[in-house]
Amino acid sequence: KVEVNQSDFTFAAADGFRLAVYEGKLLEPVSEAMEFIIPARALQEVGRLIGTDDTAVEFTVTPAGTHALFNIGNVEIVSQLMPGSFPNFRSLIPAEYKNRVLVQNSDFSRAVKTSSIFARDGSGILRIQIMNDEDGGKLSISSRAEEVGDNQGEIDGGVEGDVDEESRIAFNSKYLAEVLDVLGEGEVAFEMTSASSPGVVRATGKEGYTHVVMPMFVQW
């Protein structure tokens, strides 16, 4: 879903297991607010054409509200818009958290990818435990495979909130790894409320990025 209002824009995508939201500023304000649903494939093609350049993208919606037009340099992409309504994605983002951990994404991503190798034989389950002791805050990432064994890694991080035995949550390893890949280098914030509530990952140095991942229910 794309929302445009004055000088702001919001992109949101969801698949039932995760939600990604990006909020940014337009180069020029619009006179009329609009929102529409566009196939992900069309935006992927736009992203491919942009690459890593700071290329300006101009987009418009036809008066009938059936198509969107994207102009990137001398290339124009036309995409049919999707009918129907998009879920209220803002209500899916937890308004508060019990624990928040600040870690380097390179460390987090490496630990998740290592555990993912073991998680493949364990229904893709990856367990995360937040710890805080005299040595400082840590994030424990583990997975289990019956025929291979267990894998556990720990990374240092700054922990906020009261840590107890309930400061743990499980995810599908593939979903979490893909989120971290998108955020790139730098510090990320991992937020959680309970084992049954969605987890949130944000890039602290990149305002506007919010990723929500639904938990998996496991025996601890």
N, C-alpha and C. Protein backbone atom coordinates (compact mmCIF):
# COMPACT_ATOMS: atom_id res chain seq x y z
N LYS A 1 0.84 -1.19 0.00
CA LYS A 1 0.00 0.00 0.00
C LYS A 1 0.89 1.25 0.00
N VAL A 2 0.45 2.25 -0.74
CA VAL A 2 1.16 3.52 -0.80
C VAL A 2 0.22 4.62 -0.31
N GLU A 3 0.69 5.43 0.61
CA GLU A 3 -0.08 6.58 1.10
C GLU A 3 0.75 7.84 0.86
N VAL A 4 0.11 8.87 0.35
CA VAL A 4 0.77 10.15 0.12
C VAL A 4 -0.09 11.25 0.72
N ASN A 5 0.53 12.11 1.53
CA ASN A 5 -0.22 13.19 2.17
C ASN A 5 0.71 14.38 2.37
N GLN A 6 0.41 15.46 1.69
CA GLN A 6 1.23 16.68 1.75
C GLN A 6 2.68 16.37 1.38
N SER A 7 3.60 16.45 2.34
CA SER A 7 5.01 16.20 2.02
C SER A 7 5.48 14.82 2.44
N ASP A 8 4.57 13.97 2.90
CA ASP A 8 4.94 12.67 3.44
C ASP A 8 4.44 11.53 2.56
N PHE A 9 5.18 10.43 2.58
CA PHE A 9 4.70 9.21 1.93
C PHE A 9 4.98 8.01 2.83
N THR A 10 4.16 6.98 2.67
CA THR A 10 4.32 5.74 3.43
C THR A 10 4.14 4.56 2.50
N PHE A 11 5.07 3.61 2.56
CA PHE A 11 4.96 2.34 1.85
C PHE A 11 4.76 1.27 2.91
N ALA A 12 3.80 0.37 2.71
CA ALA A 12 3.57 -0.73 3.64
C ALA A 12 3.33 -2.01 2.86
N ALA A 13 3.93 -3.10 3.33
CA ALA A 13 3.74 -4.40 2.69
C ALA A 13 3.61 -5.46 3.78
N ALA A 14 2.71 -6.42 3.57
CA ALA A 14 2.48 -7.46 4.56
C ALA A 14 2.13 -8.76 3.85
N ASP A 15 2.45 -9.88 4.52
CA ASP A 15 2.11 -11.19 3.95
C ASP A 15 1.46 -12.13 4.96
N GLY A 16 1.02 -11.60 6.09
CA GLY A 16 0.39 -12.44 7.10
C GLY A 16 1.34 -12.88 8.19
N PHE A 17 2.65 -12.85 7.90
CA PHE A 17 3.65 -13.25 8.89
C PHE A 17 4.57 -12.10 9.28
N ARG A 18 4.61 -11.08 8.44
CA ARG A 18 5.50 -9.94 8.70
C ARG A 18 4.94 -8.70 8.02
N LEU A 19 5.37 -7.58 8.52
CA LEU A 19 4.93 -6.28 8.00
C LEU A 19 6.14 -5.37 7.89
N ALA A 20 6.28 -4.71 6.76
CA ALA A 20 7.36 -3.74 6.56
C ALA A 20 6.74 -2.39 6.24
N VAL A 21 7.20 -1.36 6.93
CA VAL A 21 6.69 0.00 6.72
C VAL A 21 7.87 0.94 6.54
N TYR A 22 7.78 1.79 5.53
CA TYR A 22 8.80 2.82 5.34
C TYR A 22 8.10 4.16 5.15
N GLU A 23 8.51 5.14 5.95
CA GLU A 23 7.94 6.49 5.88
C GLU A 23 9.04 7.47 5.49
N GLY A 24 8.73 8.34 4.54
CA GLY A 24 9.72 9.29 4.07
C GLY A 24 9.10 10.60 3.64
N LYS A 25 9.95 11.46 3.08
CA LYS A 25 9.53 12.79 2.64
C LYS A 25 9.56 12.88 1.12
N LEU A 26 8.55 13.53 0.57
CA LEU A 26 8.51 13.80 -0.87
C LEU A 26 9.44 14.96 -1.21
N LEU A 27 9.94 14.97 -2.43
CA LEU A 27 10.76 16.10 -2.88
C LEU A 27 9.90 17.34 -3.07
N GLU A 28 8.64 17.12 -3.45
CA GLU A 28 7.70 18.22 -3.62
C GLU A 28 6.37 17.81 -3.00
N PRO A 29 5.71 18.70 -2.27
CA PRO A 29 4.42 18.36 -1.66
C PRO A 29 3.33 18.17 -2.71
N VAL A 30 2.32 17.39 -2.34
CA VAL A 30 1.18 17.17 -3.24
C VAL A 30 0.00 17.99 -2.74
N SER A 31 -0.88 18.34 -3.65
CA SER A 31 -2.03 19.16 -3.29
C SER A 31 -3.19 18.33 -2.76
N GLU A 32 -3.17 17.04 -3.07
CA GLU A 32 -4.28 16.18 -2.66
C GLU A 32 -3.75 14.85 -2.15
N ALA A 33 -4.24 14.44 -0.99
CA ALA A 33 -3.82 13.16 -0.42
C ALA A 33 -4.36 12.01 -1.25
N MET A 34 -3.61 10.91 -1.31
CA MET A 34 -4.08 9.74 -2.03
C MET A 34 -3.48 8.49 -1.42
N GLU A 35 -4.13 7.38 -1.65
CA GLU A 35 -3.63 6.09 -1.22
C GLU A 35 -4.10 5.03 -2.20
N PHE A 36 -3.25 4.04 -2.42
CA PHE A 36 -3.60 2.99 -3.38
C PHE A 36 -2.79 1.74 -3.08
N ILE A 37 -3.24 0.63 -3.63
CA ILE A 37 -2.57 -0.66 -3.47
C ILE A 37 -1.97 -1.05 -4.81
N ILE A 38 -0.69 -1.34 -4.80
CA ILE A 38 0.02 -1.65 -6.03
C ILE A 38 0.73 -3.00 -5.89
N PRO A 39 0.77 -3.81 -6.93
CA PRO A 39 1.47 -5.10 -6.85
C PRO A 39 2.94 -4.93 -6.47
N ALA A 40 3.44 -5.79 -5.62
CA ALA A 40 4.83 -5.70 -5.17
C ALA A 40 5.79 -5.82 -6.35
N ARG A 41 5.42 -6.60 -7.35
CA ARG A 41 6.33 -6.81 -8.48
C ARG A 41 6.63 -5.50 -9.20
N ALA A 42 5.64 -4.62 -9.28
CA ALA A 42 5.85 -3.33 -9.96
C ALA A 42 6.86 -2.48 -9.20
N LEU A 43 6.74 -2.44 -7.88
CA LEU A 43 7.69 -1.65 -7.08
C LEU A 43 9.08 -2.28 -7.07
N GLN A 44 9.14 -3.60 -7.17
CA GLN A 44 10.44 -4.26 -7.26
C GLN A 44 11.15 -3.85 -8.55
N GLU A 45 10.39 -3.71 -9.62
CA GLU A 45 10.98 -3.28 -10.88
C GLU A 45 11.45 -1.83 -10.79
N VAL A 46 10.66 -0.99 -10.12
CA VAL A 46 11.07 0.40 -9.90
C VAL A 46 12.37 0.44 -9.10
N GLY A 47 12.43 -0.36 -8.04
CA GLY A 47 13.64 -0.42 -7.23
C GLY A 47 14.84 -0.91 -8.01
N ARG A 48 14.63 -1.86 -8.91
CA ARG A 48 15.73 -2.37 -9.73
C ARG A 48 16.29 -1.28 -10.63
N LEU A 49 15.40 -0.47 -11.18
CA LEU A 49 15.84 0.61 -12.08
C LEU A 49 16.57 1.72 -11.32
N ILE A 50 16.12 1.97 -10.10
CA ILE A 50 16.78 3.01 -9.29
C ILE A 50 18.17 2.56 -8.87
N GLY A 51 18.28 1.28 -8.47
CA GLY A 51 19.56 0.78 -7.99
C GLY A 51 19.97 1.46 -6.71
N THR A 52 21.23 1.82 -6.62
CA THR A 52 21.75 2.49 -5.42
C THR A 52 21.90 3.99 -5.63
N ASP A 53 21.46 4.49 -6.77
CA ASP A 53 21.57 5.92 -7.06
C ASP A 53 20.46 6.70 -6.36
N ASP A 54 20.73 7.97 -6.11
CA ASP A 54 19.70 8.85 -5.54
C ASP A 54 18.88 9.46 -6.68
N THR A 55 18.29 8.58 -7.46
CA THR A 55 17.51 9.02 -8.61
C THR A 55 16.11 9.42 -8.18
N ALA A 56 15.66 10.57 -8.64
CA ALA A 56 14.31 11.01 -8.32
C ALA A 56 13.30 10.19 -9.11
N VAL A 57 12.21 9.81 -8.45
CA VAL A 57 11.14 9.05 -9.09
C VAL A 57 9.87 9.88 -9.05
N GLU A 58 9.27 10.08 -10.19
CA GLU A 58 8.01 10.81 -10.27
C GLU A 58 6.89 9.80 -10.50
N PHE A 59 5.86 9.84 -9.66
CA PHE A 59 4.75 8.92 -9.90
C PHE A 59 3.42 9.65 -9.80
N THR A 60 2.50 9.19 -10.60
CA THR A 60 1.15 9.76 -10.65
C THR A 60 0.14 8.63 -10.72
N VAL A 61 -1.08 8.94 -10.36
CA VAL A 61 -2.18 7.99 -10.47
C VAL A 61 -3.18 8.55 -11.46
N THR A 62 -3.67 7.69 -12.33
CA THR A 62 -4.62 8.14 -13.34
C THR A 62 -5.90 8.65 -12.69
N PRO A 63 -6.62 9.56 -13.34
CA PRO A 63 -7.86 10.12 -12.76
C PRO A 63 -8.87 9.05 -12.36
N ALA A 64 -8.89 7.95 -13.09
CA ALA A 64 -9.83 6.87 -12.77
C ALA A 64 -9.37 6.04 -11.58
N GLY A 65 -8.13 6.25 -11.15
CA GLY A 65 -7.61 5.51 -10.01
C GLY A 65 -7.35 4.05 -10.30
N THR A 66 -7.08 3.72 -11.56
CA THR A 66 -6.88 2.32 -11.93
C THR A 66 -5.42 1.98 -12.22
N HIS A 67 -4.59 2.99 -12.49
CA HIS A 67 -3.20 2.73 -12.84
C HIS A 67 -2.27 3.76 -12.17
N ALA A 68 -1.05 3.34 -11.93
CA ALA A 68 0.00 4.24 -11.44
C ALA A 68 1.11 4.30 -12.48
N LEU A 69 1.67 5.48 -12.67
CA LEU A 69 2.75 5.68 -13.63
C LEU A 69 3.99 6.15 -12.88
N PHE A 70 5.11 5.50 -13.14
CA PHE A 70 6.38 5.84 -12.52
C PHE A 70 7.37 6.27 -13.60
N ASN A 71 7.97 7.42 -13.42
CA ASN A 71 8.98 7.92 -14.34
C ASN A 71 10.33 7.94 -13.64
N ILE A 72 11.28 7.16 -14.17
CA ILE A 72 12.64 7.11 -13.65
C ILE A 72 13.58 7.48 -14.80
N GLY A 73 14.05 8.71 -14.81
CA GLY A 73 14.87 9.15 -15.93
C GLY A 73 14.06 9.13 -17.21
N ASN A 74 14.53 8.38 -18.19
CA ASN A 74 13.80 8.27 -19.46
C ASN A 74 12.98 6.99 -19.56
N VAL A 75 12.76 6.34 -18.43
CA VAL A 75 11.99 5.10 -18.40
C VAL A 75 10.66 5.34 -17.69
N GLU A 76 9.59 4.80 -18.26
CA GLU A 76 8.27 4.92 -17.64
C GLU A 76 7.71 3.52 -17.39
N ILE A 77 7.20 3.31 -16.20
CA ILE A 77 6.57 2.05 -15.83
C ILE A 77 5.11 2.31 -15.49
N VAL A 78 4.24 1.52 -16.08
CA VAL A 78 2.80 1.64 -15.82
C VAL A 78 2.35 0.36 -15.13
N SER A 79 1.66 0.50 -14.02
CA SER A 79 1.17 -0.67 -13.29
C SER A 79 -0.30 -0.51 -12.96
N GLN A 80 -1.02 -1.58 -13.14
CA GLN A 80 -2.43 -1.59 -12.74
C GLN A 80 -2.52 -1.64 -11.22
N LEU A 81 -3.42 -0.87 -10.66
CA LEU A 81 -3.62 -0.87 -9.21
C LEU A 81 -4.57 -1.98 -8.81
N MET A 82 -4.45 -2.40 -7.57
CA MET A 82 -5.27 -3.51 -7.08
C MET A 82 -6.50 -2.99 -6.35
N PRO A 83 -7.66 -3.56 -6.64
CA PRO A 83 -8.87 -3.14 -5.92
C PRO A 83 -8.89 -3.71 -4.51
N GLY A 84 -9.84 -3.25 -3.72
CA GLY A 84 -10.00 -3.76 -2.37
C GLY A 84 -9.37 -2.86 -1.33
N SER A 85 -9.36 -3.34 -0.10
CA SER A 85 -8.84 -2.55 1.02
C SER A 85 -7.62 -3.24 1.62
N PHE A 86 -6.74 -2.46 2.18
CA PHE A 86 -5.54 -2.96 2.83
C PHE A 86 -5.78 -2.94 4.34
N PRO A 87 -5.28 -3.93 5.08
CA PRO A 87 -5.48 -3.93 6.54
C PRO A 87 -4.94 -2.66 7.19
N ASN A 88 -5.49 -2.33 8.34
CA ASN A 88 -4.99 -1.19 9.11
C ASN A 88 -3.64 -1.56 9.70
N PHE A 89 -2.58 -1.36 8.92
CA PHE A 89 -1.26 -1.86 9.32
C PHE A 89 -0.72 -1.15 10.56
N ARG A 90 -1.13 0.08 10.79
CA ARG A 90 -0.61 0.81 11.96
C ARG A 90 -1.05 0.15 13.27
N SER A 91 -2.21 -0.49 13.25
CA SER A 91 -2.69 -1.17 14.45
C SER A 91 -1.90 -2.44 14.74
N LEU A 92 -1.14 -2.93 13.75
CA LEU A 92 -0.35 -4.14 13.93
C LEU A 92 1.02 -3.86 14.54
N ILE A 93 1.41 -2.59 14.58
CA ILE A 93 2.70 -2.22 15.15
C ILE A 93 2.53 -1.97 16.65
N PRO A 94 3.17 -2.77 17.51
CA PRO A 94 3.02 -2.57 18.96
C PRO A 94 3.35 -1.14 19.37
N ALA A 95 2.49 -0.57 20.20
CA ALA A 95 2.68 0.82 20.62
C ALA A 95 3.75 0.95 21.70
N GLU A 96 4.05 -0.14 22.39
CA GLU A 96 5.06 -0.11 23.46
C GLU A 96 5.76 -1.45 23.51
N TYR A 97 6.80 -1.54 24.29
CA TYR A 97 7.56 -2.78 24.40
C TYR A 97 7.98 -3.00 25.84
N LYS A 98 8.26 -4.26 26.16
CA LYS A 98 8.77 -4.60 27.48
C LYS A 98 10.30 -4.50 27.50
N ASN A 99 10.92 -5.01 26.44
CA ASN A 99 12.38 -4.98 26.33
C ASN A 99 12.81 -4.45 24.97
N ARG A 100 13.92 -3.75 24.97
CA ARG A 100 14.51 -3.23 23.74
C ARG A 100 16.01 -3.45 23.80
N VAL A 101 16.56 -3.99 22.73
CA VAL A 101 17.99 -4.28 22.68
C VAL A 101 18.60 -3.59 21.47
N LEU A 102 19.68 -2.86 21.68
CA LEU A 102 20.41 -2.20 20.60
C LEU A 102 21.65 -3.02 20.28
N VAL A 103 21.76 -3.48 19.04
CA VAL A 103 22.89 -4.31 18.62
C VAL A 103 23.37 -3.87 17.25
N GLN A 104 24.58 -4.26 16.90
CA GLN A 104 25.08 -4.03 15.56
C GLN A 104 24.45 -5.05 14.62
N ASN A 105 23.90 -4.56 13.52
CA ASN A 105 23.20 -5.47 12.62
C ASN A 105 24.13 -6.52 12.03
N SER A 106 25.39 -6.18 11.83
CA SER A 106 26.33 -7.17 11.28
C SER A 106 26.46 -8.36 12.22
N ASP A 107 26.50 -8.11 13.54
CA ASP A 107 26.58 -9.19 14.53
C ASP A 107 25.27 -9.97 14.58
N PHE A 108 24.17 -9.25 14.61
CA PHE A 108 22.85 -9.87 14.69
C PHE A 108 22.60 -10.75 13.47
N SER A 109 22.86 -10.20 12.30
CA SER A 109 22.61 -10.93 11.06
C SER A 109 23.49 -12.17 10.97
N ARG A 110 24.74 -12.06 11.37
CA ARG A 110 25.66 -13.20 11.32
C ARG A 110 25.18 -14.32 12.24
N ALA A 111 24.74 -13.96 13.45
CA ALA A 111 24.27 -14.96 14.40
C ALA A 111 23.00 -15.63 13.92
N VAL A 112 22.10 -14.85 13.32
CA VAL A 112 20.84 -15.40 12.80
C VAL A 112 21.11 -16.35 11.65
N LYS A 113 22.00 -15.98 10.74
CA LYS A 113 22.30 -16.84 9.59
C LYS A 113 22.97 -18.14 10.02
N THR A 114 23.84 -18.06 11.04
CA THR A 114 24.48 -19.28 11.54
C THR A 114 23.45 -20.21 12.16
N SER A 115 22.57 -19.67 12.99
CA SER A 115 21.53 -20.49 13.61
C SER A 115 20.54 -21.02 12.59
N SER A 116 20.35 -20.28 11.50
CA SER A 116 19.40 -20.70 10.48
C SER A 116 19.80 -22.02 9.83
N ILE A 117 21.11 -22.30 9.79
CA ILE A 117 21.57 -23.56 9.22
C ILE A 117 21.02 -24.73 10.02
N PHE A 118 21.02 -24.60 11.34
CA PHE A 118 20.48 -25.65 12.20
C PHE A 118 18.95 -25.61 12.19
N ALA A 119 18.38 -24.42 12.06
CA ALA A 119 16.93 -24.28 12.12
C ALA A 119 16.23 -24.94 10.94
N ARG A 120 16.94 -25.15 9.83
CA ARG A 120 16.32 -25.78 8.67
C ARG A 120 15.76 -27.15 8.99
N ASP A 121 16.43 -27.87 9.90
CA ASP A 121 15.97 -29.20 10.29
C ASP A 121 15.07 -29.16 11.52
N GLY A 122 14.73 -27.96 11.96
CA GLY A 122 13.89 -27.81 13.14
C GLY A 122 12.71 -26.90 12.89
N SER A 123 12.06 -27.08 11.74
CA SER A 123 10.88 -26.29 11.35
C SER A 123 11.19 -24.80 11.20
N GLY A 124 12.45 -24.48 11.02
CA GLY A 124 12.83 -23.08 10.82
C GLY A 124 12.75 -22.24 12.07
N ILE A 125 12.68 -22.87 13.24
CA ILE A 125 12.49 -22.14 14.49
C ILE A 125 13.81 -21.57 15.00
N LEU A 126 13.80 -20.29 15.31
CA LEU A 126 14.95 -19.61 15.88
C LEU A 126 14.51 -18.95 17.18
N ARG A 127 15.20 -19.26 18.26
CA ARG A 127 14.84 -18.74 19.59
C ARG A 127 15.75 -17.58 19.99
N ILE A 128 15.13 -16.55 20.54
CA ILE A 128 15.88 -15.38 20.99
C ILE A 128 15.60 -15.14 22.47
N GLN A 129 16.65 -15.00 23.25
CA GLN A 129 16.53 -14.74 24.68
C GLN A 129 17.31 -13.47 25.00
N ILE A 130 16.66 -12.55 25.71
CA ILE A 130 17.32 -11.32 26.15
C ILE A 130 17.88 -11.54 27.55
N MET A 131 19.14 -11.19 27.73
CA MET A 131 19.79 -11.40 29.02
C MET A 131 20.46 -10.11 29.47
N ASN A 132 20.56 -9.95 30.79
CA ASN A 132 21.20 -8.75 31.35
C ASN A 132 21.82 -9.14 32.68
N ASP A 133 23.15 -9.15 32.76
CA ASP A 133 23.83 -9.51 34.00
C ASP A 133 24.98 -8.54 34.26
N GLU A 134 25.91 -8.93 35.15
CA GLU A 134 27.00 -8.02 35.51
C GLU A 134 27.94 -7.75 34.33
N ASP A 135 27.89 -8.60 33.33
CA ASP A 135 28.73 -8.41 32.15
C ASP A 135 28.05 -7.53 31.10
N GLY A 136 26.83 -7.10 31.38
CA GLY A 136 26.10 -6.27 30.43
C GLY A 136 25.00 -7.02 29.71
N GLY A 137 24.36 -6.32 28.79
CA GLY A 137 23.25 -6.93 28.07
C GLY A 137 23.72 -7.82 26.94
N LYS A 138 22.95 -8.87 26.71
CA LYS A 138 23.27 -9.80 25.63
C LYS A 138 21.99 -10.29 24.96
N LEU A 139 22.15 -10.73 23.73
CA LEU A 139 21.07 -11.34 22.98
C LEU A 139 21.53 -12.74 22.62
N SER A 140 20.78 -13.75 23.07
CA SER A 140 21.11 -15.14 22.77
C SER A 140 20.25 -15.61 21.61
N ILE A 141 20.88 -16.15 20.57
CA ILE A 141 20.17 -16.66 19.40
C ILE A 141 20.48 -18.14 19.29
N SER A 142 19.47 -18.99 19.29
CA SER A 142 19.71 -20.43 19.27
C SER A 142 18.72 -21.15 18.37
N SER A 143 19.10 -22.37 17.98
CA SER A 143 18.23 -23.22 17.17
C SER A 143 18.58 -24.67 17.47
N ARG A 144 17.67 -25.56 17.11
CA ARG A 144 17.86 -26.97 17.41
C ARG A 144 17.57 -27.82 16.18
N ALA A 145 18.38 -28.86 16.02
CA ALA A 145 18.15 -29.85 14.96
C ALA A 145 18.40 -31.22 15.56
N GLU A 146 17.41 -32.10 15.48
CA GLU A 146 17.50 -33.38 16.17
C GLU A 146 18.72 -34.19 15.75
N GLU A 147 19.02 -34.22 14.46
CA GLU A 147 20.11 -35.06 13.98
C GLU A 147 21.46 -34.35 14.01
N VAL A 148 21.45 -33.03 14.06
CA VAL A 148 22.70 -32.27 14.01
C VAL A 148 23.12 -31.78 15.40
N GLY A 149 22.15 -31.33 16.18
CA GLY A 149 22.44 -30.80 17.50
C GLY A 149 21.93 -29.38 17.66
N ASP A 150 22.42 -28.71 18.70
CA ASP A 150 21.98 -27.35 19.00
C ASP A 150 23.06 -26.35 18.60
N ASN A 151 22.60 -25.15 18.33
CA ASN A 151 23.52 -24.04 18.06
C ASN A 151 23.08 -22.85 18.88
N GLN A 152 24.02 -22.20 19.54
CA GLN A 152 23.70 -21.00 20.32
C GLN A 152 24.82 -19.99 20.18
N GLY A 153 24.42 -18.75 19.92
CA GLY A 153 25.38 -17.66 19.85
C GLY A 153 24.89 -16.50 20.68
N GLU A 154 25.83 -15.70 21.18
CA GLU A 154 25.48 -14.53 21.98
C GLU A 154 26.16 -13.30 21.40
N ILE A 155 25.42 -12.20 21.39
CA ILE A 155 25.99 -10.93 20.94
C ILE A 155 25.72 -9.87 22.00
N ASP A 156 26.65 -8.95 22.14
CA ASP A 156 26.51 -7.88 23.12
C ASP A 156 25.53 -6.82 22.62
N GLY A 157 24.82 -6.22 23.57
CA GLY A 157 23.88 -5.17 23.21
C GLY A 157 23.44 -4.37 24.41
N GLY A 158 22.92 -3.21 24.16
CA GLY A 158 22.36 -2.39 25.23
C GLY A 158 20.91 -2.74 25.46
N VAL A 159 20.60 -3.17 26.68
CA VAL A 159 19.26 -3.67 27.00
C VAL A 159 18.47 -2.63 27.78
N GLU A 160 17.24 -2.42 27.37
CA GLU A 160 16.31 -1.54 28.08
C GLU A 160 15.14 -2.38 28.60
N GLY A 161 14.63 -2.02 29.77
CA GLY A 161 13.49 -2.73 30.34
C GLY A 161 13.92 -3.80 31.32
N ASP A 162 12.97 -4.28 32.12
CA ASP A 162 13.23 -5.32 33.11
C ASP A 162 13.30 -6.68 32.41
N VAL A 163 14.43 -7.36 32.58
CA VAL A 163 14.65 -8.66 31.94
C VAL A 163 14.31 -9.77 32.92
N ASP A 164 13.54 -10.75 32.47
CA ASP A 164 13.22 -11.92 33.28
C ASP A 164 13.14 -13.14 32.37
N GLU A 165 12.66 -14.25 32.91
CA GLU A 165 12.61 -15.49 32.12
C GLU A 165 11.61 -15.42 30.98
N GLU A 166 10.74 -14.42 31.01
CA GLU A 166 9.77 -14.26 29.92
C GLU A 166 10.31 -13.36 28.80
N SER A 167 11.53 -12.90 28.93
CA SER A 167 12.12 -12.04 27.90
C SER A 167 12.70 -12.91 26.78
N ARG A 168 11.83 -13.64 26.14
CA ARG A 168 12.25 -14.55 25.08
C ARG A 168 11.14 -14.69 24.05
N ILE A 169 11.54 -15.03 22.84
CA ILE A 169 10.59 -15.10 21.73
C ILE A 169 11.21 -15.95 20.63
N ALA A 170 10.37 -16.55 19.80
CA ALA A 170 10.85 -17.39 18.69
C ALA A 170 10.28 -16.88 17.38
N PHE A 171 11.10 -16.99 16.32
CA PHE A 171 10.69 -16.55 14.99
C PHE A 171 11.03 -17.61 13.95
N ASN A 172 10.44 -17.45 12.79
CA ASN A 172 10.89 -18.19 11.62
C ASN A 172 12.23 -17.58 11.20
N SER A 173 13.26 -18.39 11.14
CA SER A 173 14.60 -17.87 10.89
C SER A 173 14.70 -17.17 9.55
N LYS A 174 14.01 -17.66 8.54
CA LYS A 174 14.07 -17.06 7.20
C LYS A 174 13.52 -15.64 7.22
N TYR A 175 12.40 -15.45 7.91
CA TYR A 175 11.77 -14.13 7.95
C TYR A 175 12.67 -13.11 8.64
N LEU A 176 13.26 -13.51 9.77
CA LEU A 176 14.11 -12.58 10.51
C LEU A 176 15.38 -12.25 9.72
N ALA A 177 15.96 -13.25 9.07
CA ALA A 177 17.17 -13.03 8.29
C ALA A 177 16.91 -12.05 7.15
N GLU A 178 15.76 -12.17 6.50
CA GLU A 178 15.44 -11.27 5.39
C GLU A 178 15.25 -9.84 5.87
N VAL A 179 14.67 -9.66 7.03
CA VAL A 179 14.51 -8.32 7.59
C VAL A 179 15.87 -7.67 7.84
N LEU A 180 16.78 -8.41 8.45
CA LEU A 180 18.10 -7.87 8.77
C LEU A 180 18.90 -7.56 7.51
N ASP A 181 18.72 -8.36 6.47
CA ASP A 181 19.41 -8.11 5.20
C ASP A 181 19.00 -6.77 4.61
N VAL A 182 17.72 -6.43 4.73
CA VAL A 182 17.21 -5.19 4.17
C VAL A 182 17.79 -3.98 4.89
N LEU A 183 18.00 -4.09 6.20
CA LEU A 183 18.42 -2.94 7.01
C LEU A 183 19.89 -2.58 6.82
N GLY A 184 20.70 -3.48 6.32
CA GLY A 184 22.09 -3.15 6.01
C GLY A 184 22.94 -2.93 7.25
N GLU A 185 24.03 -2.17 7.06
CA GLU A 185 24.99 -1.94 8.15
C GLU A 185 24.45 -0.94 9.17
N GLY A 186 25.06 -0.97 10.36
CA GLY A 186 24.67 -0.03 11.40
C GLY A 186 23.98 -0.69 12.57
N GLU A 187 23.46 0.13 13.44
CA GLU A 187 22.80 -0.35 14.66
C GLU A 187 21.32 -0.57 14.42
N VAL A 188 20.79 -1.65 14.99
CA VAL A 188 19.36 -1.91 14.91
C VAL A 188 18.81 -2.08 16.32
N ALA A 189 17.53 -1.80 16.45
CA ALA A 189 16.83 -1.97 17.72
C ALA A 189 15.86 -3.13 17.58
N PHE A 190 15.96 -4.09 18.50
CA PHE A 190 15.03 -5.22 18.55
C PHE A 190 14.12 -5.03 19.75
N GLU A 191 12.81 -5.01 19.50
CA GLU A 191 11.84 -4.76 20.57
C GLU A 191 10.87 -5.93 20.70
N MET A 192 10.52 -6.27 21.93
CA MET A 192 9.55 -7.33 22.16
C MET A 192 8.75 -7.04 23.42
N THR A 193 7.55 -7.62 23.45
CA THR A 193 6.67 -7.48 24.61
C THR A 193 6.49 -8.80 25.32
N SER A 194 6.19 -9.85 24.55
CA SER A 194 6.02 -11.19 25.11
C SER A 194 6.26 -12.21 24.00
N ALA A 195 6.30 -13.49 24.39
CA ALA A 195 6.55 -14.55 23.42
C ALA A 195 5.42 -14.70 22.42
N SER A 196 4.24 -14.18 22.76
CA SER A 196 3.08 -14.31 21.87
C SER A 196 2.74 -13.03 21.13
N SER A 197 3.53 -11.99 21.32
CA SER A 197 3.29 -10.71 20.66
C SER A 197 4.32 -10.49 19.55
N PRO A 198 3.98 -9.72 18.54
CA PRO A 198 4.93 -9.48 17.44
C PRO A 198 6.21 -8.83 17.93
N GLY A 199 7.31 -9.18 17.29
CA GLY A 199 8.58 -8.51 17.54
C GLY A 199 8.77 -7.40 16.53
N VAL A 200 9.52 -6.38 16.91
CA VAL A 200 9.75 -5.22 16.03
C VAL A 200 11.25 -5.00 15.87
N VAL A 201 11.65 -4.76 14.63
CA VAL A 201 13.05 -4.44 14.33
C VAL A 201 13.09 -3.10 13.62
N ARG A 202 13.95 -2.21 14.11
CA ARG A 202 14.10 -0.88 13.50
C ARG A 202 15.58 -0.60 13.28
N ALA A 203 15.88 0.15 12.25
CA ALA A 203 17.24 0.63 12.02
C ALA A 203 17.37 1.99 12.69
N THR A 204 18.19 2.09 13.72
CA THR A 204 18.25 3.33 14.50
C THR A 204 18.82 4.48 13.69
N GLY A 205 19.68 4.19 12.73
CA GLY A 205 20.27 5.26 11.94
C GLY A 205 19.52 5.58 10.66
N LYS A 206 18.42 4.88 10.43
CA LYS A 206 17.62 5.09 9.22
C LYS A 206 16.18 5.32 9.64
N GLU A 207 15.84 6.56 9.84
CA GLU A 207 14.49 6.89 10.29
C GLU A 207 13.46 6.44 9.25
N GLY A 208 12.36 5.92 9.76
CA GLY A 208 11.27 5.56 8.87
C GLY A 208 11.09 4.08 8.63
N TYR A 209 12.13 3.27 8.91
CA TYR A 209 12.03 1.83 8.70
C TYR A 209 11.43 1.16 9.94
N THR A 210 10.37 0.38 9.76
CA THR A 210 9.79 -0.42 10.84
C THR A 210 9.42 -1.78 10.29
N HIS A 211 9.90 -2.84 10.94
CA HIS A 211 9.60 -4.21 10.50
C HIS A 211 8.98 -4.96 11.67
N VAL A 212 7.83 -5.57 11.42
CA VAL A 212 7.12 -6.35 12.43
C VAL A 212 7.12 -7.81 11.99
N VAL A 213 7.51 -8.70 12.89
CA VAL A 213 7.57 -10.13 12.57
C VAL A 213 6.73 -10.89 13.59
N MET A 214 5.83 -11.73 13.08
CA MET A 214 4.99 -12.53 13.98
C MET A 214 5.81 -13.64 14.61
N PRO A 215 5.54 -13.95 15.89
CA PRO A 215 6.32 -14.99 16.57
C PRO A 215 5.84 -16.39 16.23
N MET A 216 6.68 -17.36 16.54
CA MET A 216 6.31 -18.77 16.47
C MET A 216 6.12 -19.28 17.90
N PHE A 217 5.16 -20.16 18.07
CA PHE A 217 4.87 -20.68 19.41
C PHE A 217 5.61 -22.00 19.60
N VAL A 218 6.50 -22.03 20.58
CA VAL A 218 7.37 -23.18 20.78
C VAL A 218 7.40 -23.59 22.25
N GLN A 219 7.92 -24.79 22.48
CA GLN A 219 8.18 -25.25 23.83
C GLN A 219 9.60 -24.82 24.22
N TRP A 220 9.73 -24.14 25.34
CA TRP A 220 11.05 -23.68 25.78
C TRP A 220 11.68 -24.71 26.71
